[in-house]
Protein backbone atom coordinates (compact mmCIF):
# COMPACT_ATOMS: atom_id res chain seq x y z
CA UNK A 1 -75.19 -50.65 -1.80
CA UNK A 2 -78.01 -52.10 -3.80
CA UNK A 3 -77.68 -54.70 -6.56
CA UNK A 4 -80.51 -56.16 -8.54
CA UNK A 5 -81.14 -59.64 -7.37
CA UNK A 6 -80.91 -62.12 -10.26
CA UNK A 7 -83.18 -65.05 -11.13
CA UNK A 8 -80.61 -67.44 -9.75
CA UNK A 9 -81.50 -66.37 -6.24
CA UNK A 10 -85.06 -67.72 -6.79
CA UNK A 11 -83.72 -71.22 -7.49
CA UNK A 12 -82.75 -73.90 -5.02
CA UNK A 13 -79.70 -76.13 -5.05
CA UNK A 14 -80.09 -79.69 -6.31
CA UNK A 15 -78.31 -82.49 -4.42
CA UNK A 16 -74.95 -83.27 -6.02
CA UNK A 17 -73.11 -86.41 -5.12
CA UNK A 18 -70.81 -86.34 -8.13
CA UNK A 19 -71.12 -88.41 -11.25
CA UNK A 20 -71.88 -85.31 -13.29
CA UNK A 21 -69.34 -83.10 -15.05
CA UNK A 22 -68.37 -79.74 -13.71
CA UNK A 23 -69.44 -76.77 -15.71
CA UNK A 24 -67.27 -75.86 -18.61
CA UNK A 25 -65.48 -72.48 -18.40
CA UNK A 26 -67.90 -71.14 -21.06
CA UNK A 27 -70.95 -72.30 -19.05
CA UNK A 28 -69.44 -70.80 -15.83
CA UNK A 29 -68.73 -67.47 -17.59
CA UNK A 30 -72.32 -67.34 -18.89
CA UNK A 31 -73.72 -67.83 -15.32
CA UNK A 32 -71.17 -65.37 -13.93
CA UNK A 33 -72.73 -62.67 -16.10
CA UNK A 34 -75.87 -62.92 -13.96
CA UNK A 35 -73.86 -62.00 -10.81
CA UNK A 36 -72.26 -58.73 -9.81
CA UNK A 37 -68.70 -58.53 -8.56
CA UNK A 38 -67.87 -62.22 -8.51
CA UNK A 39 -64.60 -63.52 -9.91
CA UNK A 40 -64.05 -66.81 -11.67
CA UNK A 41 -60.68 -68.22 -10.68
CA UNK A 42 -59.42 -71.74 -11.13
CA UNK A 43 -62.62 -73.68 -10.89
CA UNK A 44 -63.99 -71.45 -8.12
CA UNK A 45 -65.99 -68.21 -7.85
CA UNK A 46 -65.28 -65.73 -5.10
CA UNK A 47 -66.33 -62.28 -3.87
CA UNK A 48 -65.16 -59.97 -1.02
CA UNK A 49 -67.90 -58.26 0.98
CA UNK A 50 -67.00 -55.15 2.98
CA UNK A 51 -68.66 -54.11 6.27
CA UNK A 52 -68.42 -51.22 8.70
CA UNK A 53 -67.43 -53.35 11.66
CA UNK A 54 -66.90 -56.86 13.02
CA UNK A 55 -70.46 -57.18 14.23
CA UNK A 56 -71.90 -56.57 10.73
CA UNK A 57 -69.40 -59.01 9.30
CA UNK A 58 -70.44 -61.70 11.73
CA UNK A 59 -74.18 -61.01 11.19
CA UNK A 60 -73.60 -61.54 7.48
CA UNK A 61 -71.60 -64.75 8.14
CA UNK A 62 -74.36 -66.15 10.44
CA UNK A 63 -77.09 -65.37 7.92
CA UNK A 64 -75.00 -67.00 5.20
CA UNK A 65 -74.54 -70.07 7.41
CA UNK A 66 -78.35 -70.33 7.68
CA UNK A 67 -78.79 -70.09 3.89
CA UNK A 68 -76.01 -72.59 3.32
CA UNK A 69 -77.63 -75.04 5.69
CA UNK A 70 -81.04 -74.66 3.93
CA UNK A 71 -79.46 -75.14 0.51
CA UNK A 72 -77.07 -77.86 1.73
CA UNK A 73 -74.28 -76.15 -0.16
CA UNK A 74 -71.52 -74.58 1.82
CA UNK A 75 -68.86 -71.98 0.90
CA UNK A 76 -65.34 -71.55 2.14
CA UNK A 77 -65.15 -68.31 4.08
CA UNK A 78 -62.33 -65.94 5.02
CA UNK A 79 -63.71 -63.89 7.92
CA UNK A 80 -61.87 -60.81 9.07
CA UNK A 81 -62.67 -57.51 10.83
CA UNK A 82 -64.74 -55.53 8.34
CA UNK A 83 -64.88 -58.04 5.50
CA UNK A 84 -65.64 -61.54 4.45
CA UNK A 85 -64.51 -63.33 1.32
CA UNK A 86 -66.83 -66.05 0.08
CA UNK A 87 -65.52 -68.87 -2.17
CA UNK A 88 -67.79 -71.39 -3.90
CA UNK A 89 -67.06 -74.57 -5.81
CA UNK A 90 -68.65 -78.02 -5.80
CA UNK A 91 -66.27 -80.57 -4.27
CA UNK A 92 -68.29 -83.51 -5.55
CA UNK A 93 -67.60 -82.51 -9.21
CA UNK A 94 -64.16 -81.01 -8.58
CA UNK A 95 -65.21 -77.71 -10.12
CA UNK A 96 -68.29 -75.51 -10.48
CA UNK A 97 -71.92 -76.44 -10.66
CA UNK A 98 -75.10 -74.35 -10.96
CA UNK A 99 -75.42 -74.67 -7.19
CA UNK A 100 -72.40 -72.39 -6.74
CA UNK A 101 -74.02 -69.67 -8.76
CA UNK A 102 -77.40 -70.05 -7.01
CA UNK A 103 -75.73 -69.65 -3.62
CA UNK A 104 -73.63 -66.74 -4.84
CA UNK A 105 -76.85 -64.95 -5.90
CA UNK A 106 -78.42 -65.74 -2.51
CA UNK A 107 -75.28 -64.34 -0.85
CA UNK A 108 -75.67 -61.09 -2.78
CA UNK A 109 -79.35 -60.93 -1.75
CA UNK A 110 -78.28 -61.17 1.93
CA UNK A 111 -75.80 -58.32 1.44
CA UNK A 112 -78.54 -56.14 -0.03
CA UNK A 113 -80.80 -56.55 3.04
C-alpha cells in the first residue's frame, strides 16, 4: 500500500504547553484533507493500520514510538494482533493542534516504508 506523503510530514511539532486555542472543526477538517484514511471524531483524529502479523504490528509501534519521542508528541495506541489504531489529540489544548496532523502524516510515512 502506497500513499503519497503530504507536506505535513516534512514539518516538526512545536512545543505546546497550552494557552492557545484548539483548532476549530473547520481548521481540523482542512488539515484532515491532507491525510489519507484518518477520521475526525470528537476532538481527536484516528486511523487503523492493518498488518500481516504481530511482529509487523510491533515493528510499526516501535518505529512510531521513536518518531513520537523525537517530536515530543505522543499518540494513544490500541495494539492488537495484526492491527494498531492510532489516536491523536493535544491534551494541553483539550482538542486538536497542528502537531496532531504532523504526527499523523509521519505515521502514514512509516506505514509506507
